[in-house]
Amino acid sequence: MARLTELGRQVVVVGVDAKYLKPGFEQRTLTIRTRHAGATRATTLWRQEIFDGEEKLFTADITFAFTDLSGRPTRRPEGFVEAVTA
């Protein structure tokens, strides 16, 4: 994120679509998986899933937008997707 600041940009959450599927329980080891799921010129979409073993408990699609440091919308920095998915 420091590199984004150097470029005069920041990332802000503009949408969350969350789905509870099943409960997780105390004393269980849960796994959180995050992956890049898409991008437009000004946004990036991330999918998070929570698992108990192989059983999926929760999913969330989180949309982030890029802004300049004053909060004005801007385009996604060149090379961003490649940098975060490498």
PDB file of N, CA and C in Angstrom:
ATOM      1  N   MET A   1       0.806  -1.191   0.000  1.00  0.00           N
ATOM      2  CA  MET A   1       0.000   0.000   0.000  1.00  0.00           C
ATOM      3  C   MET A   1       0.854   1.262   0.000  1.00  0.00           C
ATOM      4  N   ALA A   2       2.057   1.163   0.522  1.00  0.00           N
ATOM      5  CA  ALA A   2       2.935   2.328   0.506  1.00  0.00           C
ATOM      6  C   ALA A   2       3.219   2.768  -0.925  1.00  0.00           C
ATOM      7  N   ARG A   3       3.360   1.798  -1.822  1.00  0.00           N
ATOM      8  CA  ARG A   3       3.612   2.123  -3.232  1.00  0.00           C
ATOM      9  C   ARG A   3       2.429   2.892  -3.829  1.00  0.00           C
ATOM     10  N   LEU A   4       1.196   2.513  -3.473  1.00  0.00           N
ATOM     11  CA  LEU A   4       0.030   3.248  -3.954  1.00  0.00           C
ATOM     12  C   LEU A   4       0.079   4.699  -3.484  1.00  0.00           C
ATOM     13  N   THR A   5       0.441   4.899  -2.234  1.00  0.00           N
ATOM     14  CA  THR A   5       0.545   6.256  -1.708  1.00  0.00           C
ATOM     15  C   THR A   5       1.605   7.046  -2.469  1.00  0.00           C
ATOM     16  N   GLU A   6       2.710   6.396  -2.789  1.00  0.00           N
ATOM     17  CA  GLU A   6       3.757   7.051  -3.578  1.00  0.00           C
ATOM     18  C   GLU A   6       3.218   7.481  -4.941  1.00  0.00           C
ATOM     19  N   LEU A   7       2.281   6.704  -5.483  1.00  0.00           N
ATOM     20  CA  LEU A   7       1.670   7.014  -6.783  1.00  0.00           C
ATOM     21  C   LEU A   7       0.525   8.023  -6.640  1.00  0.00           C
ATOM     22  N   GLY A   8       0.232   8.429  -5.386  1.00  0.00           N
ATOM     23  CA  GLY A   8      -0.848   9.382  -5.154  1.00  0.00           C
ATOM     24  C   GLY A   8      -2.219   8.758  -5.202  1.00  0.00           C
ATOM     25  N   ARG A   9      -2.297   7.464  -4.889  1.00  0.00           N
ATOM     26  CA  ARG A   9      -3.565   6.739  -4.952  1.00  0.00           C
ATOM     27  C   ARG A   9      -3.806   5.983  -3.655  1.00  0.00           C
ATOM     28  N   GLN A  10      -5.072   5.635  -3.472  1.00  0.00           N
ATOM     29  CA  GLN A  10      -5.462   4.785  -2.356  1.00  0.00           C
ATOM     30  C   GLN A  10      -6.589   3.874  -2.806  1.00  0.00           C
ATOM     31  N   VAL A  11      -6.875   2.852  -1.999  1.00  0.00           N
ATOM     32  CA  VAL A  11      -7.933   1.897  -2.302  1.00  0.00           C
ATOM     33  C   VAL A  11      -9.018   2.073  -1.251  1.00  0.00           C
ATOM     34  N   VAL A  12     -10.271   2.140  -1.699  1.00  0.00           N
ATOM     35  CA  VAL A  12     -11.399   2.265  -0.775  1.00  0.00           C
ATOM     36  C   VAL A  12     -12.430   1.180  -1.080  1.00  0.00           C
ATOM     37  N   VAL A  13     -13.084   0.687  -0.049  1.00  0.00           N
ATOM     38  CA  VAL A  13     -14.130  -0.323  -0.227  1.00  0.00           C
ATOM     39  C   VAL A  13     -15.391   0.384  -0.713  1.00  0.00           C
ATOM     40  N   VAL A  14     -15.954  -0.105  -1.827  1.00  0.00           N
ATOM     41  CA  VAL A  14     -17.182   0.483  -2.354  1.00  0.00           C
ATOM     42  C   VAL A  14     -18.353  -0.502  -2.359  1.00  0.00           C
ATOM     43  N   GLY A  15     -18.073  -1.768  -2.070  1.00  0.00           N
ATOM     44  CA  GLY A  15     -19.154  -2.743  -2.016  1.00  0.00           C
ATOM     45  C   GLY A  15     -18.719  -4.045  -1.390  1.00  0.00           C
ATOM     46  N   VAL A  16     -19.659  -4.655  -0.663  1.00  0.00           N
ATOM     47  CA  VAL A  16     -19.430  -5.973  -0.076  1.00  0.00           C
ATOM     48  C   VAL A  16     -20.701  -6.789  -0.261  1.00  0.00           C
ATOM     49  N   ASP A  17     -20.542  -7.977  -0.822  1.00  0.00           N
ATOM     50  CA  ASP A  17     -21.647  -8.926  -0.958  1.00  0.00           C
ATOM     51  C   ASP A  17     -21.242 -10.155  -0.168  1.00  0.00           C
ATOM     52  N   ALA A  18     -21.783 -10.293   1.041  1.00  0.00           N
ATOM     53  CA  ALA A  18     -21.384 -11.371   1.949  1.00  0.00           C
ATOM     54  C   ALA A  18     -22.503 -12.392   2.089  1.00  0.00           C
ATOM     55  N   LYS A  19     -22.111 -13.658   2.158  1.00  0.00           N
ATOM     56  CA  LYS A  19     -23.084 -14.731   2.316  1.00  0.00           C
ATOM     57  C   LYS A  19     -22.636 -15.683   3.427  1.00  0.00           C
ATOM     58  N   TYR A  20     -23.432 -15.723   4.479  1.00  0.00           N
ATOM     59  CA  TYR A  20     -23.243 -16.680   5.560  1.00  0.00           C
ATOM     60  C   TYR A  20     -23.820 -18.004   5.090  1.00  0.00           C
ATOM     61  N   LEU A  21     -23.040 -19.076   5.210  1.00  0.00           N
ATOM     62  CA  LEU A  21     -23.513 -20.386   4.771  1.00  0.00           C
ATOM     63  C   LEU A  21     -23.753 -21.332   5.936  1.00  0.00           C
ATOM     64  N   LYS A  22     -22.775 -21.413   6.845  1.00  0.00           N
ATOM     65  CA  LYS A  22     -22.864 -22.321   7.992  1.00  0.00           C
ATOM     66  C   LYS A  22     -22.084 -21.715   9.149  1.00  0.00           C
ATOM     67  N   PRO A  23     -22.368 -22.131  10.375  1.00  0.00           N
ATOM     68  CA  PRO A  23     -21.637 -21.572  11.519  1.00  0.00           C
ATOM     69  C   PRO A  23     -20.232 -22.153  11.650  1.00  0.00           C
ATOM     70  N   GLY A  24     -19.343 -21.335  12.190  1.00  0.00           N
ATOM     71  CA  GLY A  24     -18.030 -21.802  12.618  1.00  0.00           C
ATOM     72  C   GLY A  24     -18.075 -21.911  14.138  1.00  0.00           C
ATOM     73  N   PHE A  25     -17.271 -22.764  14.700  1.00  0.00           N
ATOM     74  CA  PHE A  25     -17.358 -22.995  16.136  1.00  0.00           C
ATOM     75  C   PHE A  25     -16.026 -22.740  16.834  1.00  0.00           C
ATOM     76  N   GLU A  26     -16.133 -22.382  18.093  1.00  0.00           N
ATOM     77  CA  GLU A  26     -14.973 -22.152  18.947  1.00  0.00           C
ATOM     78  C   GLU A  26     -14.105 -23.411  18.980  1.00  0.00           C
ATOM     79  N   GLN A  27     -12.817 -23.209  19.100  1.00  0.00           N
ATOM     80  CA  GLN A  27     -11.823 -24.281  19.179  1.00  0.00           C
ATOM     81  C   GLN A  27     -11.600 -24.999  17.845  1.00  0.00           C
ATOM     82  N   ARG A  28     -12.117 -24.456  16.751  1.00  0.00           N
ATOM     83  CA  ARG A  28     -11.877 -25.019  15.420  1.00  0.00           C
ATOM     84  C   ARG A  28     -10.865 -24.132  14.713  1.00  0.00           C
ATOM     85  N   THR A  29     -10.067 -24.725  13.849  1.00  0.00           N
ATOM     86  CA  THR A  29      -9.130 -23.958  13.039  1.00  0.00           C
ATOM     87  C   THR A  29      -9.802 -23.652  11.709  1.00  0.00           C
ATOM     88  N   LEU A  30     -10.015 -22.359  11.458  1.00  0.00           N
ATOM     89  CA  LEU A  30     -10.657 -21.935  10.218  1.00  0.00           C
ATOM     90  C   LEU A  30      -9.604 -21.421   9.248  1.00  0.00           C
ATOM     91  N   THR A  31      -9.866 -21.597   7.974  1.00  0.00           N
ATOM     92  CA  THR A  31      -8.967 -21.124   6.929  1.00  0.00           C
ATOM     93  C   THR A  31      -9.673 -20.027   6.146  1.00  0.00           C
ATOM     94  N   ILE A  32      -8.981 -18.914   5.929  1.00  0.00           N
ATOM     95  CA  ILE A  32      -9.513 -17.828   5.119  1.00  0.00           C
ATOM     96  C   ILE A  32      -8.716 -17.786   3.825  1.00  0.00           C
ATOM     97  N   ARG A  33      -9.415 -17.908   2.712  1.00  0.00           N
ATOM     98  CA  ARG A  33      -8.772 -17.851   1.395  1.00  0.00           C
ATOM     99  C   ARG A  33      -9.206 -16.571   0.693  1.00  0.00           C
ATOM    100  N   THR A  34      -8.245 -15.865   0.148  1.00  0.00           N
ATOM    101  CA  THR A  34      -8.525 -14.621  -0.573  1.00  0.00           C
ATOM    102  C   THR A  34      -7.910 -14.732  -1.956  1.00  0.00           C
ATOM    103  N   ARG A  35      -8.679 -14.342  -2.969  1.00  0.00           N
ATOM    104  CA  ARG A  35      -8.135 -14.359  -4.328  1.00  0.00           C
ATOM    105  C   ARG A  35      -8.700 -13.176  -5.114  1.00  0.00           C
ATOM    106  N   HIS A  36      -7.918 -12.767  -6.079  1.00  0.00           N
ATOM    107  CA  HIS A  36      -8.348 -11.704  -6.977  1.00  0.00           C
ATOM    108  C   HIS A  36      -9.361 -12.305  -7.933  1.00  0.00           C
ATOM    109  N   ALA A  37     -10.509 -11.631  -8.101  1.00  0.00           N
ATOM    110  CA  ALA A  37     -11.583 -12.205  -8.915  1.00  0.00           C
ATOM    111  C   ALA A  37     -11.958 -11.357 -10.125  1.00  0.00           C
ATOM    112  N   GLY A  38     -11.268 -10.234 -10.342  1.00  0.00           N
ATOM    113  CA  GLY A  38     -11.567  -9.430 -11.517  1.00  0.00           C
ATOM    114  C   GLY A  38     -11.191  -7.977 -11.323  1.00  0.00           C
ATOM    115  N   ALA A  39     -11.196  -7.239 -12.434  1.00  0.00           N
ATOM    116  CA  ALA A  39     -10.848  -5.825 -12.369  1.00  0.00           C
ATOM    117  C   ALA A  39     -11.458  -5.085 -13.546  1.00  0.00           C
ATOM    118  N   THR A  40     -11.768  -3.830 -13.309  1.00  0.00           N
ATOM    119  CA  THR A  40     -12.149  -2.910 -14.382  1.00  0.00           C
ATOM    120  C   THR A  40     -11.075  -1.830 -14.403  1.00  0.00           C
ATOM    121  N   ARG A  41     -11.304  -0.786 -15.159  1.00  0.00           N
ATOM    122  CA  ARG A  41     -10.317   0.294 -15.222  1.00  0.00           C
ATOM    123  C   ARG A  41     -10.172   1.020 -13.888  1.00  0.00           C
ATOM    124  N   ALA A  42     -11.230   1.002 -13.056  1.00  0.00           N
ATOM    125  CA  ALA A  42     -11.185   1.776 -11.812  1.00  0.00           C
ATOM    126  C   ALA A  42     -11.437   0.960 -10.552  1.00  0.00           C
ATOM    127  N   THR A  43     -11.757  -0.334 -10.712  1.00  0.00           N
ATOM    128  CA  THR A  43     -12.057  -1.154  -9.535  1.00  0.00           C
ATOM    129  C   THR A  43     -11.325  -2.485  -9.599  1.00  0.00           C
ATOM    130  N   THR A  44     -11.318  -3.147  -8.458  1.00  0.00           N
ATOM    131  CA  THR A  44     -10.780  -4.500  -8.377  1.00  0.00           C
ATOM    132  C   THR A  44     -11.685  -5.300  -7.448  1.00  0.00           C
ATOM    133  N   LEU A  45     -11.944  -6.558  -7.788  1.00  0.00           N
ATOM    134  CA  LEU A  45     -12.845  -7.419  -7.037  1.00  0.00           C
ATOM    135  C   LEU A  45     -12.043  -8.552  -6.399  1.00  0.00           C
ATOM    136  N   TRP A  46     -12.304  -8.778  -5.125  1.00  0.00           N
ATOM    137  CA  TRP A  46     -11.635  -9.830  -4.363  1.00  0.00           C
ATOM    138  C   TRP A  46     -12.691 -10.749  -3.768  1.00  0.00           C
ATOM    139  N   ARG A  47     -12.428 -12.051  -3.776  1.00  0.00           N
ATOM    140  CA  ARG A  47     -13.320 -13.028  -3.158  1.00  0.00           C
ATOM    141  C   ARG A  47     -12.624 -13.610  -1.935  1.00  0.00           C
ATOM    142  N   GLN A  48     -13.348 -13.588  -0.822  1.00  0.00           N
ATOM    143  CA  GLN A  48     -12.857 -14.232   0.390  1.00  0.00           C
ATOM    144  C   GLN A  48     -13.809 -15.357   0.760  1.00  0.00           C
ATOM    145  N   GLU A  49     -13.228 -16.471   1.195  1.00  0.00           N
ATOM    146  CA  GLU A  49     -14.012 -17.621   1.624  1.00  0.00           C
ATOM    147  C   GLU A  49     -13.423 -18.120   2.937  1.00  0.00           C
ATOM    148  N   ILE A  50     -14.307 -18.528   3.842  1.00  0.00           N
ATOM    149  CA  ILE A  50     -13.868 -19.098   5.119  1.00  0.00           C
ATOM    150  C   ILE A  50     -14.280 -20.557   5.131  1.00  0.00           C
ATOM    151  N   PHE A  51     -13.323 -21.411   5.490  1.00  0.00           N
ATOM    152  CA  PHE A  51     -13.537 -22.852   5.512  1.00  0.00           C
ATOM    153  C   PHE A  51     -13.226 -23.434   6.884  1.00  0.00           C
ATOM    154  N   ASP A  52     -13.948 -24.491   7.227  1.00  0.00           N
ATOM    155  CA  ASP A  52     -13.612 -25.364   8.348  1.00  0.00           C
ATOM    156  C   ASP A  52     -13.282 -26.690   7.681  1.00  0.00           C
ATOM    157  N   GLY A  53     -11.984 -26.963   7.536  1.00  0.00           N
ATOM    158  CA  GLY A  53     -11.572 -28.104   6.714  1.00  0.00           C
ATOM    159  C   GLY A  53     -11.934 -27.815   5.275  1.00  0.00           C
ATOM    160  N   GLU A  54     -12.717 -28.698   4.663  1.00  0.00           N
ATOM    161  CA  GLU A  54     -13.168 -28.485   3.283  1.00  0.00           C
ATOM    162  C   GLU A  54     -14.569 -27.881   3.226  1.00  0.00           C
ATOM    163  N   GLU A  55     -15.178 -27.682   4.372  1.00  0.00           N
ATOM    164  CA  GLU A  55     -16.537 -27.163   4.422  1.00  0.00           C
ATOM    165  C   GLU A  55     -16.551 -25.634   4.384  1.00  0.00           C
ATOM    166  N   LYS A  56     -17.185 -25.076   3.364  1.00  0.00           N
ATOM    167  CA  LYS A  56     -17.250 -23.621   3.209  1.00  0.00           C
ATOM    168  C   LYS A  56     -18.316 -23.056   4.140  1.00  0.00           C
ATOM    169  N   LEU A  57     -17.900 -22.048   4.931  1.00  0.00           N
ATOM    170  CA  LEU A  57     -18.796 -21.432   5.897  1.00  0.00           C
ATOM    171  C   LEU A  57     -19.300 -20.058   5.477  1.00  0.00           C
ATOM    172  N   PHE A  58     -18.525 -19.349   4.665  1.00  0.00           N
ATOM    173  CA  PHE A  58     -18.812 -17.944   4.400  1.00  0.00           C
ATOM    174  C   PHE A  58     -18.123 -17.522   3.111  1.00  0.00           C
ATOM    175  N   THR A  59     -18.775 -16.667   2.337  1.00  0.00           N
ATOM    176  CA  THR A  59     -18.131 -16.070   1.174  1.00  0.00           C
ATOM    177  C   THR A  59     -18.404 -14.567   1.169  1.00  0.00           C
ATOM    178  N   ALA A  60     -17.482 -13.830   0.610  1.00  0.00           N
ATOM    179  CA  ALA A  60     -17.676 -12.389   0.452  1.00  0.00           C
ATOM    180  C   ALA A  60     -16.977 -11.937  -0.817  1.00  0.00           C
ATOM    181  N   ASP A  61     -17.674 -11.145  -1.609  1.00  0.00           N
ATOM    182  CA  ASP A  61     -17.079 -10.466  -2.756  1.00  0.00           C
ATOM    183  C   ASP A  61     -16.929  -9.007  -2.348  1.00  0.00           C
ATOM    184  N   ILE A  62     -15.705  -8.515  -2.385  1.00  0.00           N
ATOM    185  CA  ILE A  62     -15.402  -7.165  -1.924  1.00  0.00           C
ATOM    186  C   ILE A  62     -14.885  -6.364  -3.110  1.00  0.00           C
ATOM    187  N   THR A  63     -15.557  -5.262  -3.403  1.00  0.00           N
ATOM    188  CA  THR A  63     -15.160  -4.398  -4.505  1.00  0.00           C
ATOM    189  C   THR A  63     -14.446  -3.173  -3.955  1.00  0.00           C
ATOM    190  N   PHE A  64     -13.267  -2.941  -4.481  1.00  0.00           N
ATOM    191  CA  PHE A  64     -12.462  -1.782  -4.102  1.00  0.00           C
ATOM    192  C   PHE A  64     -12.368  -0.849  -5.302  1.00  0.00           C
ATOM    193  N   ALA A  65     -12.361   0.446  -5.030  1.00  0.00           N
ATOM    194  CA  ALA A  65     -12.141   1.444  -6.074  1.00  0.00           C
ATOM    195  C   ALA A  65     -10.853   2.185  -5.759  1.00  0.00           C
ATOM    196  N   PHE A  66     -10.282   2.752  -6.787  1.00  0.00           N
ATOM    197  CA  PHE A  66      -9.065   3.542  -6.634  1.00  0.00           C
ATOM    198  C   PHE A  66      -9.448   5.014  -6.631  1.00  0.00           C
ATOM    199  N   THR A  67      -8.831   5.764  -5.728  1.00  0.00           N
ATOM    200  CA  THR A  67      -9.024   7.211  -5.693  1.00  0.00           C
ATOM    201  C   THR A  67      -7.664   7.870  -5.558  1.00  0.00           C
ATOM    202  N   ASP A  68      -7.647   9.181  -5.827  1.00  0.00           N
ATOM    203  CA  ASP A  68      -6.434   9.917  -5.486  1.00  0.00           C
ATOM    204  C   ASP A  68      -6.477  10.150  -3.980  1.00  0.00           C
ATOM    205  N   LEU A  69      -5.476  10.782  -3.433  1.00  0.00           N
ATOM    206  CA  LEU A  69      -5.383  10.918  -1.980  1.00  0.00           C
ATOM    207  C   LEU A  69      -6.438  11.856  -1.397  1.00  0.00           C
ATOM    208  N   SER A  70      -7.126  12.609  -2.248  1.00  0.00           N
ATOM    209  CA  SER A  70      -8.220  13.461  -1.767  1.00  0.00           C
ATOM    210  C   SER A  70      -9.572  12.750  -1.861  1.00  0.00           C
ATOM    211  N   GLY A  71      -9.585  11.520  -2.393  1.00  0.00           N
ATOM    212  CA  GLY A  71     -10.816  10.739  -2.494  1.00  0.00           C
ATOM    213  C   GLY A  71     -11.510  10.800  -3.836  1.00  0.00           C
ATOM    214  N   ARG A  72     -10.927  11.477  -4.786  1.00  0.00           N
ATOM    215  CA  ARG A  72     -11.521  11.577  -6.119  1.00  0.00           C
ATOM    216  C   ARG A  72     -11.230  10.293  -6.913  1.00  0.00           C
ATOM    217  N   PRO A  73     -12.254   9.687  -7.551  1.00  0.00           N
ATOM    218  CA  PRO A  73     -12.037   8.439  -8.302  1.00  0.00           C
ATOM    219  C   PRO A  73     -10.953   8.590  -9.374  1.00  0.00           C
ATOM    220  N   THR A  74     -10.193   7.520  -9.545  1.00  0.00           N
ATOM    221  CA  THR A  74      -9.124   7.504 -10.542  1.00  0.00           C
ATOM    222  C   THR A  74      -9.003   6.096 -11.116  1.00  0.00           C
ATOM    223  N   ARG A  75      -8.220   5.956 -12.145  1.00  0.00           N
ATOM    224  CA  ARG A  75      -8.012   4.633 -12.747  1.00  0.00           C
ATOM    225  C   ARG A  75      -7.097   3.764 -11.887  1.00  0.00           C
ATOM    226  N   ARG A  76      -7.240   2.471 -12.110  1.00  0.00           N
ATOM    227  CA  ARG A  76      -6.367   1.494 -11.453  1.00  0.00           C
ATOM    228  C   ARG A  76      -4.948   1.712 -11.949  1.00  0.00           C
ATOM    229  N   PRO A  77      -3.964   1.707 -11.042  1.00  0.00           N
ATOM    230  CA  PRO A  77      -2.573   1.892 -11.484  1.00  0.00           C
ATOM    231  C   PRO A  77      -2.135   0.782 -12.428  1.00  0.00           C
ATOM    232  N   GLU A  78      -1.377   1.129 -13.421  1.00  0.00           N
ATOM    233  CA  GLU A  78      -0.849   0.148 -14.358  1.00  0.00           C
ATOM    234  C   GLU A  78      -0.017  -0.884 -13.606  1.00  0.00           C
ATOM    235  N   GLY A  79      -0.235  -2.142 -13.901  1.00  0.00           N
ATOM    236  CA  GLY A  79       0.524  -3.217 -13.278  1.00  0.00           C
ATOM    237  C   GLY A  79       0.002  -3.667 -11.922  1.00  0.00           C
ATOM    238  N   PHE A  80      -1.083  -3.067 -11.431  1.00  0.00           N
ATOM    239  CA  PHE A  80      -1.586  -3.414 -10.100  1.00  0.00           C
ATOM    240  C   PHE A  80      -1.997  -4.881 -10.015  1.00  0.00           C
ATOM    241  N   VAL A  81      -2.834  -5.337 -10.945  1.00  0.00           N
ATOM    242  CA  VAL A  81      -3.321  -6.717 -10.901  1.00  0.00           C
ATOM    243  C   VAL A  81      -2.161  -7.699 -10.959  1.00  0.00           C
ATOM    244  N   GLU A  82      -1.221  -7.455 -11.838  1.00  0.00           N
ATOM    245  CA  GLU A  82      -0.061  -8.359 -11.954  1.00  0.00           C
ATOM    246  C   GLU A  82       0.743  -8.374 -10.659  1.00  0.00           C
ATOM    247  N   ALA A  83       0.876  -7.231 -10.016  1.00  0.00           N
ATOM    248  CA  ALA A  83       1.664  -7.143  -8.786  1.00  0.00           C
ATOM    249  C   ALA A  83       1.018  -7.888  -7.633  1.00  0.00           C
ATOM    250  N   VAL A  84      -0.297  -7.826  -7.515  1.00  0.00           N
ATOM    251  CA  VAL A  84      -0.955  -8.470  -6.377  1.00  0.00           C
ATOM    252  C   VAL A  84      -1.327  -9.930  -6.614  1.00  0.00           C
ATOM    253  N   THR A  85      -1.221 -10.389  -7.842  1.00  0.00           N
ATOM    254  CA  THR A  85      -1.540 -11.797  -8.118  1.00  0.00           C
ATOM    255  C   THR A  85      -0.307 -12.628  -8.411  1.00  0.00           C
ATOM    256  N   ALA A  86       0.867 -12.003  -8.369  1.00  0.00           N
ATOM    257  CA  ALA A  86       2.112 -12.732  -8.660  1.00  0.00           C
ATOM    258  C   ALA A  86       2.509 -13.638  -7.511  1.00  0.00           C
TER     259      ALA A  86
END
